[in-house]
Amino acid sequence: MLIVGFWSMELEDPRTGKSSTLLIDGQFVYLGVVMLVNIKIISSTSNYTFYSYFFVIGCILTFVLAYYLLNLFESQNLYSLFYFPYMHLITYVALIFISAALILIDNGMHLVQYEF
């Protein structure tokens, strides 16, 4: 039996006392970094082609696929943790918020002709 926190990404097993909160939060943050880097790359290029979108979306999907494949092996620390962060709506809201904030800040910096 698993105890699941509704608003936070907590997953605890009362039999073993093992908490996987750090692993789940770490994977979420790493996915956020992967998305931010790819969005920055696509927004910084002046070449919007099929291939540029293909590689950006492919990079994000490759991360999710690798996370899913590591989820399948019992010897890995990520065993059976894939579905938990991706079944909450708050995960997608946070990722969309982070991405939208980066796009707004990046476009604002371009308007004032300041590059970082």
PDB file of N, CA and C in Angstrom:
ATOM      1  N   MET A   1       0.831  -1.165   0.000  1.00  0.00           N
ATOM      2  CA  MET A   1       0.000   0.000   0.000  1.00  0.00           C
ATOM      3  C   MET A   1       0.886   1.242   0.000  1.00  0.00           C
ATOM      4  N   LEU A   2       0.564   2.179  -0.868  1.00  0.00           N
ATOM      5  CA  LEU A   2       1.352   3.387  -0.995  1.00  0.00           C
ATOM      6  C   LEU A   2       0.559   4.575  -0.478  1.00  0.00           C
ATOM      7  N   ILE A   3       1.240   5.461   0.205  1.00  0.00           N
ATOM      8  CA  ILE A   3       0.623   6.702   0.654  1.00  0.00           C
ATOM      9  C   ILE A   3       1.049   7.780  -0.326  1.00  0.00           C
ATOM     10  N   VAL A   4       0.072   8.404  -0.941  1.00  0.00           N
ATOM     11  CA  VAL A   4       0.360   9.382  -1.979  1.00  0.00           C
ATOM     12  C   VAL A   4      -0.147  10.738  -1.542  1.00  0.00           C
ATOM     13  N   GLY A   5       0.730  11.743  -1.567  1.00  0.00           N
ATOM     14  CA  GLY A   5       0.310  13.117  -1.294  1.00  0.00           C
ATOM     15  C   GLY A   5      -0.348  13.700  -2.531  1.00  0.00           C
ATOM     16  N   PHE A   6      -1.489  14.370  -2.358  1.00  0.00           N
ATOM     17  CA  PHE A   6      -2.244  14.848  -3.510  1.00  0.00           C
ATOM     18  C   PHE A   6      -1.588  16.062  -4.158  1.00  0.00           C
ATOM     19  N   TRP A   7      -1.194  17.074  -3.382  1.00  0.00           N
ATOM     20  CA  TRP A   7      -0.668  18.299  -3.971  1.00  0.00           C
ATOM     21  C   TRP A   7       0.838  18.273  -4.126  1.00  0.00           C
ATOM     22  N   SER A   8       1.511  17.421  -3.429  1.00  0.00           N
ATOM     23  CA  SER A   8       2.957  17.343  -3.592  1.00  0.00           C
ATOM     24  C   SER A   8       3.307  16.006  -4.226  1.00  0.00           C
ATOM     25  N   MET A   9       4.495  15.961  -4.770  1.00  0.00           N
ATOM     26  CA  MET A   9       4.919  14.725  -5.417  1.00  0.00           C
ATOM     27  C   MET A   9       5.596  13.834  -4.385  1.00  0.00           C
ATOM     28  N   GLU A  10       4.809  13.286  -3.480  1.00  0.00           N
ATOM     29  CA  GLU A  10       5.351  12.415  -2.446  1.00  0.00           C
ATOM     30  C   GLU A  10       4.852  11.000  -2.658  1.00  0.00           C
ATOM     31  N   LEU A  11       5.734  10.059  -2.465  1.00  0.00           N
ATOM     32  CA  LEU A  11       5.393   8.657  -2.587  1.00  0.00           C
ATOM     33  C   LEU A  11       6.175   7.924  -1.511  1.00  0.00           C
ATOM     34  N   GLU A  12       5.466   7.360  -0.546  1.00  0.00           N
ATOM     35  CA  GLU A  12       6.131   6.687   0.559  1.00  0.00           C
ATOM     36  C   GLU A  12       5.566   5.286   0.721  1.00  0.00           C
ATOM     37  N   ASP A  13       6.454   4.365   0.985  1.00  0.00           N
ATOM     38  CA  ASP A  13       6.072   2.999   1.237  1.00  0.00           C
ATOM     39  C   ASP A  13       6.137   2.760   2.743  1.00  0.00           C
ATOM     40  N   PRO A  14       4.994   2.570   3.415  1.00  0.00           N
ATOM     41  CA  PRO A  14       5.025   2.445   4.874  1.00  0.00           C
ATOM     42  C   PRO A  14       5.700   1.162   5.361  1.00  0.00           C
ATOM     43  N   ARG A  15       5.771   0.127   4.530  1.00  0.00           N
ATOM     44  CA  ARG A  15       6.413  -1.123   4.967  1.00  0.00           C
ATOM     45  C   ARG A  15       7.914  -0.955   5.091  1.00  0.00           C
ATOM     46  N   THR A  16       8.522  -0.283   4.132  1.00  0.00           N
ATOM     47  CA  THR A  16       9.979  -0.120   4.153  1.00  0.00           C
ATOM     48  C   THR A  16      10.408   1.243   4.665  1.00  0.00           C
ATOM     49  N   GLY A  17       9.481   2.197   4.693  1.00  0.00           N
ATOM     50  CA  GLY A  17       9.828   3.547   5.114  1.00  0.00           C
ATOM     51  C   GLY A  17      10.587   4.317   4.058  1.00  0.00           C
ATOM     52  N   LYS A  18      10.677   3.761   2.846  1.00  0.00           N
ATOM     53  CA  LYS A  18      11.426   4.400   1.776  1.00  0.00           C
ATOM     54  C   LYS A  18      10.600   5.525   1.166  1.00  0.00           C
ATOM     55  N   SER A  19      11.189   6.680   1.089  1.00  0.00           N
ATOM     56  CA  SER A  19      10.553   7.825   0.461  1.00  0.00           C
ATOM     57  C   SER A  19      11.268   8.119  -0.847  1.00  0.00           C
ATOM     58  N   SER A  20      10.512   8.274  -1.890  1.00  0.00           N
ATOM     59  CA  SER A  20      11.113   8.525  -3.200  1.00  0.00           C
ATOM     60  C   SER A  20      10.855   9.953  -3.651  1.00  0.00           C
ATOM     61  N   THR A  21      10.627  10.838  -2.712  1.00  0.00           N
ATOM     62  CA  THR A  21      10.315  12.214  -3.045  1.00  0.00           C
ATOM     63  C   THR A  21      11.458  12.885  -3.795  1.00  0.00           C
ATOM     64  N   LEU A  22      12.684  12.680  -3.352  1.00  0.00           N
ATOM     65  CA  LEU A  22      13.827  13.324  -3.994  1.00  0.00           C
ATOM     66  C   LEU A  22      14.009  12.837  -5.427  1.00  0.00           C
ATOM     67  N   LEU A  23      13.815  11.552  -5.658  1.00  0.00           N
ATOM     68  CA  LEU A  23      13.950  11.021  -7.020  1.00  0.00           C
ATOM     69  C   LEU A  23      12.886  11.590  -7.954  1.00  0.00           C
ATOM     70  N   ILE A  24      11.665  11.659  -7.477  1.00  0.00           N
ATOM     71  CA  ILE A  24      10.575  12.165  -8.316  1.00  0.00           C
ATOM     72  C   ILE A  24      10.767  13.652  -8.587  1.00  0.00           C
ATOM     73  N   ASP A  25      11.086  14.422  -7.563  1.00  0.00           N
ATOM     74  CA  ASP A  25      11.300  15.857  -7.752  1.00  0.00           C
ATOM     75  C   ASP A  25      12.519  16.124  -8.638  1.00  0.00           C
ATOM     76  N   GLY A  26      13.554  15.321  -8.481  1.00  0.00           N
ATOM     77  CA  GLY A  26      14.744  15.474  -9.314  1.00  0.00           C
ATOM     78  C   GLY A  26      14.459  15.212 -10.779  1.00  0.00           C
ATOM     79  N   GLN A  27      13.668  14.187 -11.065  1.00  0.00           N
ATOM     80  CA  GLN A  27      13.308  13.905 -12.453  1.00  0.00           C
ATOM     81  C   GLN A  27      12.440  15.021 -13.034  1.00  0.00           C
ATOM     82  N   PHE A  28      11.564  15.571 -12.224  1.00  0.00           N
ATOM     83  CA  PHE A  28      10.727  16.679 -12.680  1.00  0.00           C
ATOM     84  C   PHE A  28      11.579  17.904 -13.005  1.00  0.00           C
ATOM     85  N   VAL A  29      12.519  18.238 -12.127  1.00  0.00           N
ATOM     86  CA  VAL A  29      13.385  19.392 -12.355  1.00  0.00           C
ATOM     87  C   VAL A  29      14.265  19.164 -13.576  1.00  0.00           C
ATOM     88  N   TYR A  30      14.777  17.949 -13.741  1.00  0.00           N
ATOM     89  CA  TYR A  30      15.625  17.652 -14.892  1.00  0.00           C
ATOM     90  C   TYR A  30      14.825  17.755 -16.191  1.00  0.00           C
ATOM     91  N   LEU A  31      13.574  17.294 -16.187  1.00  0.00           N
ATOM     92  CA  LEU A  31      12.727  17.456 -17.368  1.00  0.00           C
ATOM     93  C   LEU A  31      12.486  18.936 -17.640  1.00  0.00           C
ATOM     94  N   GLY A  32      12.305  19.729 -16.595  1.00  0.00           N
ATOM     95  CA  GLY A  32      12.150  21.170 -16.772  1.00  0.00           C
ATOM     96  C   GLY A  32      13.378  21.813 -17.393  1.00  0.00           C
ATOM     97  N   VAL A  33      14.571  21.389 -16.963  1.00  0.00           N
ATOM     98  CA  VAL A  33      15.814  21.913 -17.538  1.00  0.00           C
ATOM     99  C   VAL A  33      15.941  21.510 -19.001  1.00  0.00           C
ATOM    100  N   VAL A  34      15.632  20.264 -19.314  1.00  0.00           N
ATOM    101  CA  VAL A  34      15.686  19.802 -20.709  1.00  0.00           C
ATOM    102  C   VAL A  34      14.729  20.617 -21.575  1.00  0.00           C
ATOM    103  N   MET A  35      13.527  20.858 -21.076  1.00  0.00           N
ATOM    104  CA  MET A  35      12.557  21.647 -21.844  1.00  0.00           C
ATOM    105  C   MET A  35      13.020  23.093 -22.003  1.00  0.00           C
ATOM    106  N   LEU A  36      13.546  23.705 -20.932  1.00  0.00           N
ATOM    107  CA  LEU A  36      13.994  25.090 -21.014  1.00  0.00           C
ATOM    108  C   LEU A  36      15.147  25.263 -21.991  1.00  0.00           C
ATOM    109  N   VAL A  37      16.093  24.358 -21.956  1.00  0.00           N
ATOM    110  CA  VAL A  37      17.233  24.451 -22.873  1.00  0.00           C
ATOM    111  C   VAL A  37      16.766  24.316 -24.312  1.00  0.00           C
ATOM    112  N   ASN A  38      15.883  23.376 -24.574  1.00  0.00           N
ATOM    113  CA  ASN A  38      15.409  23.192 -25.939  1.00  0.00           C
ATOM    114  C   ASN A  38      14.545  24.355 -26.413  1.00  0.00           C
ATOM    115  N   ILE A  39      13.748  24.932 -25.525  1.00  0.00           N
ATOM    116  CA  ILE A  39      12.956  26.102 -25.909  1.00  0.00           C
ATOM    117  C   ILE A  39      13.868  27.295 -26.158  1.00  0.00           C
ATOM    118  N   LYS A  40      14.912  27.461 -25.360  1.00  0.00           N
ATOM    119  CA  LYS A  40      15.875  28.547 -25.585  1.00  0.00           C
ATOM    120  C   LYS A  40      16.592  28.367 -26.914  1.00  0.00           C
ATOM    121  N   ILE A  41      16.951  27.142 -27.238  1.00  0.00           N
ATOM    122  CA  ILE A  41      17.619  26.885 -28.520  1.00  0.00           C
ATOM    123  C   ILE A  41      16.703  27.230 -29.680  1.00  0.00           C
ATOM    124  N   ILE A  42      15.450  26.802 -29.615  1.00  0.00           N
ATOM    125  CA  ILE A  42      14.533  27.054 -30.725  1.00  0.00           C
ATOM    126  C   ILE A  42      14.183  28.537 -30.822  1.00  0.00           C
ATOM    127  N   SER A  43      14.112  29.252 -29.679  1.00  0.00           N
ATOM    128  CA  SER A  43      13.780  30.675 -29.746  1.00  0.00           C
ATOM    129  C   SER A  43      14.974  31.525 -30.153  1.00  0.00           C
ATOM    130  N   SER A  44      16.188  31.049 -29.942  1.00  0.00           N
ATOM    131  CA  SER A  44      17.376  31.821 -30.292  1.00  0.00           C
ATOM    132  C   SER A  44      17.783  31.660 -31.751  1.00  0.00           C
ATOM    133  N   THR A  45      17.283  30.646 -32.402  1.00  0.00           N
ATOM    134  CA  THR A  45      17.629  30.470 -33.807  1.00  0.00           C
ATOM    135  C   THR A  45      16.689  31.285 -34.668  1.00  0.00           C
ATOM    136  N   SER A  46      17.194  31.695 -35.788  1.00  0.00           N
ATOM    137  CA  SER A  46      16.333  32.413 -36.727  1.00  0.00           C
ATOM    138  C   SER A  46      15.872  31.487 -37.846  1.00  0.00           C
ATOM    139  N   ASN A  47      16.151  30.214 -37.686  1.00  0.00           N
ATOM    140  CA  ASN A  47      15.832  29.231 -38.704  1.00  0.00           C
ATOM    141  C   ASN A  47      14.765  28.288 -38.158  1.00  0.00           C
ATOM    142  N   TYR A  48      13.517  28.522 -38.535  1.00  0.00           N
ATOM    143  CA  TYR A  48      12.415  27.694 -38.065  1.00  0.00           C
ATOM    144  C   TYR A  48      12.012  26.726 -39.165  1.00  0.00           C
ATOM    145  N   THR A  49      12.588  25.548 -39.126  1.00  0.00           N
ATOM    146  CA  THR A  49      12.277  24.539 -40.129  1.00  0.00           C
ATOM    147  C   THR A  49      11.693  23.313 -39.440  1.00  0.00           C
ATOM    148  N   PHE A  50      11.283  22.374 -40.252  1.00  0.00           N
ATOM    149  CA  PHE A  50      10.759  21.120 -39.731  1.00  0.00           C
ATOM    150  C   PHE A  50      11.825  20.405 -38.898  1.00  0.00           C
ATOM    151  N   TYR A  51      13.063  20.419 -39.378  1.00  0.00           N
ATOM    152  CA  TYR A  51      14.129  19.702 -38.676  1.00  0.00           C
ATOM    153  C   TYR A  51      14.447  20.321 -37.319  1.00  0.00           C
ATOM    154  N   SER A  52      14.387  21.640 -37.219  1.00  0.00           N
ATOM    155  CA  SER A  52      14.678  22.251 -35.916  1.00  0.00           C
ATOM    156  C   SER A  52      13.611  21.871 -34.892  1.00  0.00           C
ATOM    157  N   TYR A  53      12.358  21.883 -35.285  1.00  0.00           N
ATOM    158  CA  TYR A  53      11.292  21.441 -34.375  1.00  0.00           C
ATOM    159  C   TYR A  53      11.386  19.946 -34.102  1.00  0.00           C
ATOM    160  N   PHE A  54      11.736  19.173 -35.108  1.00  0.00           N
ATOM    161  CA  PHE A  54      11.851  17.725 -34.964  1.00  0.00           C
ATOM    162  C   PHE A  54      12.906  17.354 -33.927  1.00  0.00           C
ATOM    163  N   PHE A  55      14.074  18.007 -33.993  1.00  0.00           N
ATOM    164  CA  PHE A  55      15.140  17.676 -33.052  1.00  0.00           C
ATOM    165  C   PHE A  55      14.835  18.164 -31.634  1.00  0.00           C
ATOM    166  N   VAL A  56      14.179  19.291 -31.503  1.00  0.00           N
ATOM    167  CA  VAL A  56      13.827  19.793 -30.169  1.00  0.00           C
ATOM    168  C   VAL A  56      12.795  18.876 -29.523  1.00  0.00           C
ATOM    169  N   ILE A  57      11.743  18.557 -30.230  1.00  0.00           N
ATOM    170  CA  ILE A  57      10.716  17.660 -29.689  1.00  0.00           C
ATOM    171  C   ILE A  57      11.287  16.266 -29.482  1.00  0.00           C
ATOM    172  N   GLY A  58      12.160  15.825 -30.402  1.00  0.00           N
ATOM    173  CA  GLY A  58      12.796  14.516 -30.269  1.00  0.00           C
ATOM    174  C   GLY A  58      13.686  14.420 -29.042  1.00  0.00           C
ATOM    175  N   CYS A  59      14.375  15.500 -28.707  1.00  0.00           N
ATOM    176  CA  CYS A  59      15.234  15.512 -27.518  1.00  0.00           C
ATOM    177  C   CYS A  59      14.402  15.379 -26.249  1.00  0.00           C
ATOM    178  N   ILE A  60      13.298  16.095 -26.178  1.00  0.00           N
ATOM    179  CA  ILE A  60      12.433  16.007 -25.004  1.00  0.00           C
ATOM    180  C   ILE A  60      11.817  14.614 -24.895  1.00  0.00           C
ATOM    181  N   LEU A  61      11.361  14.079 -26.007  1.00  0.00           N
ATOM    182  CA  LEU A  61      10.762  12.740 -25.991  1.00  0.00           C
ATOM    183  C   LEU A  61      11.799  11.661 -25.693  1.00  0.00           C
ATOM    184  N   THR A  62      13.052  11.870 -26.100  1.00  0.00           N
ATOM    185  CA  THR A  62      14.112  10.910 -25.774  1.00  0.00           C
ATOM    186  C   THR A  62      14.349  10.855 -24.273  1.00  0.00           C
ATOM    187  N   PHE A  63      14.315  12.014 -23.607  1.00  0.00           N
ATOM    188  CA  PHE A  63      14.460  12.017 -22.156  1.00  0.00           C
ATOM    189  C   PHE A  63      13.317  11.252 -21.495  1.00  0.00           C
ATOM    190  N   VAL A  64      12.090  11.510 -21.928  1.00  0.00           N
ATOM    191  CA  VAL A  64      10.930  10.839 -21.332  1.00  0.00           C
ATOM    192  C   VAL A  64      10.993   9.337 -21.606  1.00  0.00           C
ATOM    193  N   LEU A  65      11.412   8.940 -22.800  1.00  0.00           N
ATOM    194  CA  LEU A  65      11.533   7.516 -23.135  1.00  0.00           C
ATOM    195  C   LEU A  65      12.608   6.837 -22.285  1.00  0.00           C
ATOM    196  N   ALA A  66      13.748   7.496 -22.100  1.00  0.00           N
ATOM    197  CA  ALA A  66      14.803   6.921 -21.264  1.00  0.00           C
ATOM    198  C   ALA A  66      14.339   6.773 -19.822  1.00  0.00           C
ATOM    199  N   TYR A  67      13.605   7.763 -19.329  1.00  0.00           N
ATOM    200  CA  TYR A  67      13.059   7.683 -17.976  1.00  0.00           C
ATOM    201  C   TYR A  67      12.069   6.530 -17.866  1.00  0.00           C
ATOM    202  N   TYR A  68      11.241   6.338 -18.889  1.00  0.00           N
ATOM    203  CA  TYR A  68      10.284   5.234 -18.887  1.00  0.00           C
ATOM    204  C   TYR A  68      10.998   3.879 -18.925  1.00  0.00           C
ATOM    205  N   LEU A  69      12.045   3.758 -19.744  1.00  0.00           N
ATOM    206  CA  LEU A  69      12.760   2.487 -19.831  1.00  0.00           C
ATOM    207  C   LEU A  69      13.478   2.152 -18.527  1.00  0.00           C
ATOM    208  N   LEU A  70      14.059   3.148 -17.863  1.00  0.00           N
ATOM    209  CA  LEU A  70      14.688   2.893 -16.564  1.00  0.00           C
ATOM    210  C   LEU A  70      13.660   2.536 -15.501  1.00  0.00           C
ATOM    211  N   ASN A  71      12.441   2.972 -15.702  1.00  0.00           N
ATOM    212  CA  ASN A  71      11.344   2.667 -14.795  1.00  0.00           C
ATOM    213  C   ASN A  71      10.994   1.182 -14.814  1.00  0.00           C
ATOM    214  N   LEU A  72      11.290   0.493 -15.899  1.00  0.00           N
ATOM    215  CA  LEU A  72      10.874  -0.900 -16.062  1.00  0.00           C
ATOM    216  C   LEU A  72      11.772  -1.907 -15.349  1.00  0.00           C
ATOM    217  N   PHE A  73      12.996  -1.539 -15.028  1.00  0.00           N
ATOM    218  CA  PHE A  73      13.941  -2.479 -14.430  1.00  0.00           C
ATOM    219  C   PHE A  73      13.895  -2.388 -12.903  1.00  0.00           C
ATOM    220  N   GLU A  74      13.745  -3.528 -12.256  1.00  0.00           N
ATOM    221  CA  GLU A  74      13.655  -3.557 -10.799  1.00  0.00           C
ATOM    222  C   GLU A  74      14.956  -3.174 -10.120  1.00  0.00           C
ATOM    223  N   SER A  75      16.085  -3.349 -10.789  1.00  0.00           N
ATOM    224  CA  SER A  75      17.364  -3.037 -10.164  1.00  0.00           C
ATOM    225  C   SER A  75      17.650  -1.535 -10.127  1.00  0.00           C
ATOM    226  N   GLN A  76      16.887  -0.751 -10.841  1.00  0.00           N
ATOM    227  CA  GLN A  76      17.095   0.695 -10.870  1.00  0.00           C
ATOM    228  C   GLN A  76      16.358   1.383  -9.714  1.00  0.00           C
ATOM    229  N   ASN A  77      16.862   2.537  -9.297  1.00  0.00           N
ATOM    230  CA  ASN A  77      16.191   3.312  -8.244  1.00  0.00           C
ATOM    231  C   ASN A  77      14.876   3.902  -8.719  1.00  0.00           C
ATOM    232  N   LEU A  78      14.723   4.077 -10.022  1.00  0.00           N
ATOM    233  CA  LEU A  78      13.525   4.686 -10.575  1.00  0.00           C
ATOM    234  C   LEU A  78      12.420   3.679 -10.849  1.00  0.00           C
ATOM    235  N   TYR A  79      12.558   2.473 -10.347  1.00  0.00           N
ATOM    236  CA  TYR A  79      11.576   1.417 -10.623  1.00  0.00           C
ATOM    237  C   TYR A  79      10.185   1.829 -10.166  1.00  0.00           C
ATOM    238  N   SER A  80       9.254   1.779 -11.061  1.00  0.00           N
ATOM    239  CA  SER A  80       7.825   2.065 -10.870  1.00  0.00           C
ATOM    240  C   SER A  80       7.535   3.502 -10.430  1.00  0.00           C
ATOM    241  N   LEU A  81       8.409   4.444 -10.765  1.00  0.00           N
ATOM    242  CA  LEU A  81       8.185   5.838 -10.406  1.00  0.00           C
ATOM    243  C   LEU A  81       7.780   6.705 -11.591  1.00  0.00           C
ATOM    244  N   PHE A  82       7.646   6.132 -12.774  1.00  0.00           N
ATOM    245  CA  PHE A  82       7.352   6.936 -13.961  1.00  0.00           C
ATOM    246  C   PHE A  82       5.958   7.525 -13.930  1.00  0.00           C
ATOM    247  N   TYR A  83       4.989   6.740 -13.549  1.00  0.00           N
ATOM    248  CA  TYR A  83       3.605   7.180 -13.660  1.00  0.00           C
ATOM    249  C   TYR A  83       3.220   8.213 -12.613  1.00  0.00           C
ATOM    250  N   PHE A  84       3.906   8.202 -11.493  1.00  0.00           N
ATOM    251  CA  PHE A  84       3.485   9.090 -10.413  1.00  0.00           C
ATOM    252  C   PHE A  84       3.595  10.568 -10.755  1.00  0.00           C
ATOM    253  N   PRO A  85       4.739  11.079 -11.205  1.00  0.00           N
ATOM    254  CA  PRO A  85       4.765  12.515 -11.502  1.00  0.00           C
ATOM    255  C   PRO A  85       3.963  12.895 -12.738  1.00  0.00           C
ATOM    256  N   TYR A  86       3.746  11.963 -13.647  1.00  0.00           N
ATOM    257  CA  TYR A  86       3.064  12.303 -14.884  1.00  0.00           C
ATOM    258  C   TYR A  86       1.558  12.059 -14.834  1.00  0.00           C
ATOM    259  N   MET A  87       1.017  11.652 -13.692  1.00  0.00           N
ATOM    260  CA  MET A  87      -0.427  11.472 -13.610  1.00  0.00           C
ATOM    261  C   MET A  87      -1.101  12.659 -12.925  1.00  0.00           C
ATOM    262  N   HIS A  88      -0.320  13.619 -12.430  1.00  0.00           N
ATOM    263  CA  HIS A  88      -0.872  14.799 -11.777  1.00  0.00           C
ATOM    264  C   HIS A  88      -0.937  15.964 -12.751  1.00  0.00           C
ATOM    265  N   LEU A  89      -2.020  16.687 -12.699  1.00  0.00           N
ATOM    266  CA  LEU A  89      -2.199  17.860 -13.541  1.00  0.00           C
ATOM    267  C   LEU A  89      -1.218  18.962 -13.173  1.00  0.00           C
ATOM    268  N   ILE A  90      -0.842  19.038 -11.917  1.00  0.00           N
ATOM    269  CA  ILE A  90       0.056  20.094 -11.459  1.00  0.00           C
ATOM    270  C   ILE A  90       1.426  20.002 -12.143  1.00  0.00           C
ATOM    271  N   THR A  91       1.849  18.817 -12.541  1.00  0.00           N
ATOM    272  CA  THR A  91       3.112  18.657 -13.259  1.00  0.00           C
ATOM    273  C   THR A  91       3.062  19.393 -14.583  1.00  0.00           C
ATOM    274  N   TYR A  92       2.009  19.194 -15.331  1.00  0.00           N
ATOM    275  CA  TYR A  92       1.892  19.821 -16.642  1.00  0.00           C
ATOM    276  C   TYR A  92       1.685  21.330 -16.519  1.00  0.00           C
ATOM    277  N   VAL A  93       0.947  21.759 -15.521  1.00  0.00           N
ATOM    278  CA  VAL A  93       0.749  23.197 -15.304  1.00  0.00           C
ATOM    279  C   VAL A  93       2.088  23.857 -14.981  1.00  0.00           C
ATOM    280  N   ALA A  94       2.886  23.225 -14.142  1.00  0.00           N
ATOM    281  CA  ALA A  94       4.188  23.784 -13.775  1.00  0.00           C
ATOM    282  C   ALA A  94       5.121  23.840 -14.977  1.00  0.00           C
ATOM    283  N   LEU A  95       5.158  22.794 -15.801  1.00  0.00           N
ATOM    284  CA  LEU A  95       6.023  22.793 -16.977  1.00  0.00           C
ATOM    285  C   LEU A  95       5.596  23.843 -17.994  1.00  0.00           C
ATOM    286  N   ILE A  96       4.294  24.019 -18.181  1.00  0.00           N
ATOM    287  CA  ILE A  96       3.806  25.042 -19.102  1.00  0.00           C
ATOM    288  C   ILE A  96       4.121  26.436 -18.553  1.00  0.00           C
ATOM    289  N   PHE A  97       3.969  26.621 -17.246  1.00  0.00           N
ATOM    290  CA  PHE A  97       4.286  27.914 -16.637  1.00  0.00           C
ATOM    291  C   PHE A  97       5.759  28.249 -16.792  1.00  0.00           C
ATOM    292  N   ILE A  98       6.620  27.288 -16.523  1.00  0.00           N
ATOM    293  CA  ILE A  98       8.062  27.518 -16.643  1.00  0.00           C
ATOM    294  C   ILE A  98       8.426  27.865 -18.082  1.00  0.00           C
ATOM    295  N   SER A  99       7.867  27.134 -19.038  1.00  0.00           N
ATOM    296  CA  SER A  99       8.168  27.381 -20.450  1.00  0.00           C
ATOM    297  C   SER A  99       7.642  28.738 -20.897  1.00  0.00           C
ATOM    298  N   ALA A 100       6.425  29.079 -20.502  1.00  0.00           N
ATOM    299  CA  ALA A 100       5.848  30.373 -20.889  1.00  0.00           C
ATOM    300  C   ALA A 100       6.628  31.526 -20.263  1.00  0.00           C
ATOM    301  N   ALA A 101       7.059  31.370 -19.028  1.00  0.00           N
ATOM    302  CA  ALA A 101       7.843  32.419 -18.375  1.00  0.00           C
ATOM    303  C   ALA A 101       9.171  32.628 -19.102  1.00  0.00           C
ATOM    304  N   LEU A 102       9.827  31.562 -19.515  1.00  0.00           N
ATOM    305  CA  LEU A 102      11.087  31.699 -20.246  1.00  0.00           C
ATOM    306  C   LEU A 102      10.862  32.420 -21.572  1.00  0.00           C
ATOM    307  N   ILE A 103       9.802  32.079 -22.282  1.00  0.00           N
ATOM    308  CA  ILE A 103       9.539  32.710 -23.570  1.00  0.00           C
ATOM    309  C   ILE A 103       9.256  34.203 -23.384  1.00  0.00           C
ATOM    310  N   LEU A 104       8.452  34.553 -22.377  1.00  0.00           N
ATOM    311  CA  LEU A 104       8.152  35.962 -22.124  1.00  0.00           C
ATOM    312  C   LEU A 104       9.398  36.749 -21.727  1.00  0.00           C
ATOM    313  N   ILE A 105      10.208  36.197 -20.855  1.00  0.00           N
ATOM    314  CA  ILE A 105      11.431  36.886 -20.430  1.00  0.00           C
ATOM    315  C   ILE A 105      12.398  37.017 -21.598  1.00  0.00           C
ATOM    316  N   ASP A 106      12.545  35.966 -22.380  1.00  0.00           N
ATOM    317  CA  ASP A 106      13.470  35.988 -23.513  1.00  0.00           C
ATOM    318  C   ASP A 106      13.019  37.002 -24.564  1.00  0.00           C
ATOM    319  N   ASN A 107      11.732  37.045 -24.863  1.00  0.00           N
ATOM    320  CA  ASN A 107      11.232  38.016 -25.831  1.00  0.00           C
ATOM    321  C   ASN A 107      11.348  39.440 -25.303  1.00  0.00           C
ATOM    322  N   GLY A 108      11.135  39.642 -24.004  1.00  0.00           N
ATOM    323  CA  GLY A 108      11.318  40.963 -23.409  1.00  0.00           C
ATOM    324  C   GLY A 108      12.760  41.429 -23.483  1.00  0.00           C
ATOM    325  N   MET A 109      13.693  40.512 -23.274  1.00  0.00           N
ATOM    326  CA  MET A 109      15.109  40.872 -23.373  1.00  0.00           C
ATOM    327  C   MET A 109      15.488  41.228 -24.807  1.00  0.00           C
ATOM    328  N   HIS A 110      14.891  40.556 -25.782  1.00  0.00           N
ATOM    329  CA  HIS A 110      15.160  40.890 -27.180  1.00  0.00           C
ATOM    330  C   HIS A 110      14.589  42.263 -27.530  1.00  0.00           C
ATOM    331  N   LEU A 111      13.434  42.624 -26.959  1.00  0.00           N
ATOM    332  CA  LEU A 111      12.843  43.929 -27.252  1.00  0.00           C
ATOM    333  C   LEU A 111      13.678  45.086 -26.723  1.00  0.00           C
ATOM    334  N   VAL A 112      14.317  44.900 -25.582  1.00  0.00           N
ATOM    335  CA  VAL A 112      15.166  45.959 -25.053  1.00  0.00           C
ATOM    336  C   VAL A 112      16.608  45.809 -25.521  1.00  0.00           C
ATOM    337  N   GLN A 113      16.829  44.887 -26.421  1.00  0.00           N
ATOM    338  CA  GLN A 113      18.145  44.629 -27.045  1.00  0.00           C
ATOM    339  C   GLN A 113      19.205  44.297 -26.008  1.00  0.00           C
ATOM    340  N   TYR A 114      18.829  43.427 -25.083  1.00  0.00           N
ATOM    341  CA  TYR A 114      19.756  42.963 -24.061  1.00  0.00           C
ATOM    342  C   TYR A 114      19.841  41.451 -24.176  1.00  0.00           C
ATOM    343  N   GLU A 115      21.035  40.934 -24.343  1.00  0.00           N
ATOM    344  CA  GLU A 115      21.233  39.495 -24.511  1.00  0.00           C
ATOM    345  C   GLU A 115      22.008  38.956 -23.328  1.00  0.00           C
ATOM    346  N   PHE A 116      21.535  37.863 -22.784  1.00  0.00           N
ATOM    347  CA  PHE A 116      22.272  37.222 -21.680  1.00  0.00           C
ATOM    348  C   PHE A 116      22.637  35.829 -22.056  1.00  0.00           C
TER     349      PHE A 116
END
